[in-house]
Amino acid sequence: MTIIDNHPIVKRNLAIMWFANFFIAGSMTMVLPFISLYIETMGNFSDSYVQNWSGWIFAITFVTAFIFSPIWGRIGDKYGRKKILIFSAVGIGISILLMGFATSVWQLFLLRLFMGVATGFIPMSQAFISTQTPKHIAGRVLGTLQTGSITGTLMGPLLGGTLADTFGYANTFKWVSVTVFISGIIVLLGVKEVKTKLSDDANDYRTYTRKQVIQHIVNQPVLLVVILISTLVQIAHFSIQPILSLFVADIHGPENIALFAGIAFSAAGLGNLLMTRKWGKIGDKIGYIKVLIFLLFMAGIVYLPGAFVTSIWQLVILRFLLGISIGGIIPLRIAYIRQKAPLSMQGEVLGYNTSLRFLGNIIGPALGGALAGFFGFSAVFVVTSALLLLSGVIMLVCWFKYEYSQNDSHSLSTHRS
């Protein structure tokens, strides 16, 4: 029996955060398939104008999120994460609600910018559950939590596309905000922040300065690369997101475009849902970095054929396979951080990890929009594949040099003695 099984409050927190993540992720991804289409309704714009602004409007949320994530992580470590979760839900909900009343590209841009200050509900929930989870089952528990956001991501675009086709883009934003407010209410009424004794190591309960936290990360090269590589992975993953609906229109045509764009988004979510928890369990058994390296190479290989698809269903199949390969990358990284960072600095370390993920979210959509505008959609898939393969190479070299080789040398010296 684990602490999660024996502690009813911790077990309840995991269940509640699963549902809260489901609502938040579903709400935020409901609007993704038609952001570029919503921009088109605001004026008589050229295709390149829409593609470029889709990238910037999608990315600007992550500019402010990049700045605020470590700050919220440190505040959460000191004063409690429940308050930050509630603030985040309310801020996201208000932002999405007001987007339904936007009448210009600049208004949408500024609302997405403001939303970035509050964005971080899902990463904060991961830190919240991580600090209540023993190291040896972190992959399984965080993988379980991740299935909540994945299920929301799976259903969100499909439902959002249907709502947009039925009620219009502006009304969909207004309805979506309601589910975000529900998430905040669920956390407010249902979650209890508890201090669970998970370790006898005094370092887990010390107070660390910001300088000490950064030194801890820098002094562990594999941990540093796990955090830094978040940027490359997110650049790759988000380069196609804001223009996916335009790509679907290009290969499928304009009929029910929001619905088919939603299906393309959701296909990756389905692959994620099926494999995320399994990748976490495998990581618990054989090592998080080994599985992470495998998934990075697999994702890079799967992404490349997207440059050559000629039908919507070919794209859907590739998106599904991408979801399978990329599904374990987030929980495996967080589980490794849980393993290598003391409990009392978990929020701040995860905040830096999240901040660098958001940096990738800033660069990725802008890069994808620029590549599509100048070189066509196929270029986005080729560059994305190369970035994922590069991430795999960097992770493999670092792991081999600083963990595998050192462990092997240690085992050999122990055997000789």
Foldseek 3Di string as FASTA:
>chain_A
DFLCVVPVQLVLLLVLLLQLLLLVLLLVLLQLLCPLVVQVVLDPDDPLVSLQLLLLLQQLLLVLLLVQLLVLLLCCLVPNLLVLLLQLLVQLLVLLQCCLVDRHSVSSSVSSNSNSNSPDNLLSSLLQSLLVGALLQLLLSSLSSLLSSLNSQLVRLLVSLVCCVVPNNSVSSNVSSVSSNVSSVSSVPRHDRDRDPRDPDVQLVDDDDPVRQVVLCVVQLLLVLLLLLLLLLLLLVQLCRSCQLVVQCVQPNDPSSSNLSSLLSNLLSVLLNVAQSVLSVVCSPPNLLVLLLVLLLQLLVLLLCVLPDRHSVVSSVSSNSNSNSCNHSVSSSLSVLSVRHRSSSSSSSSSSSVSSNSNSSNNNSSVSSVCCSPPNNSVSSNVSSVSSNVSSVVSVVSCVVRPVVVVVVVVVVVVVD
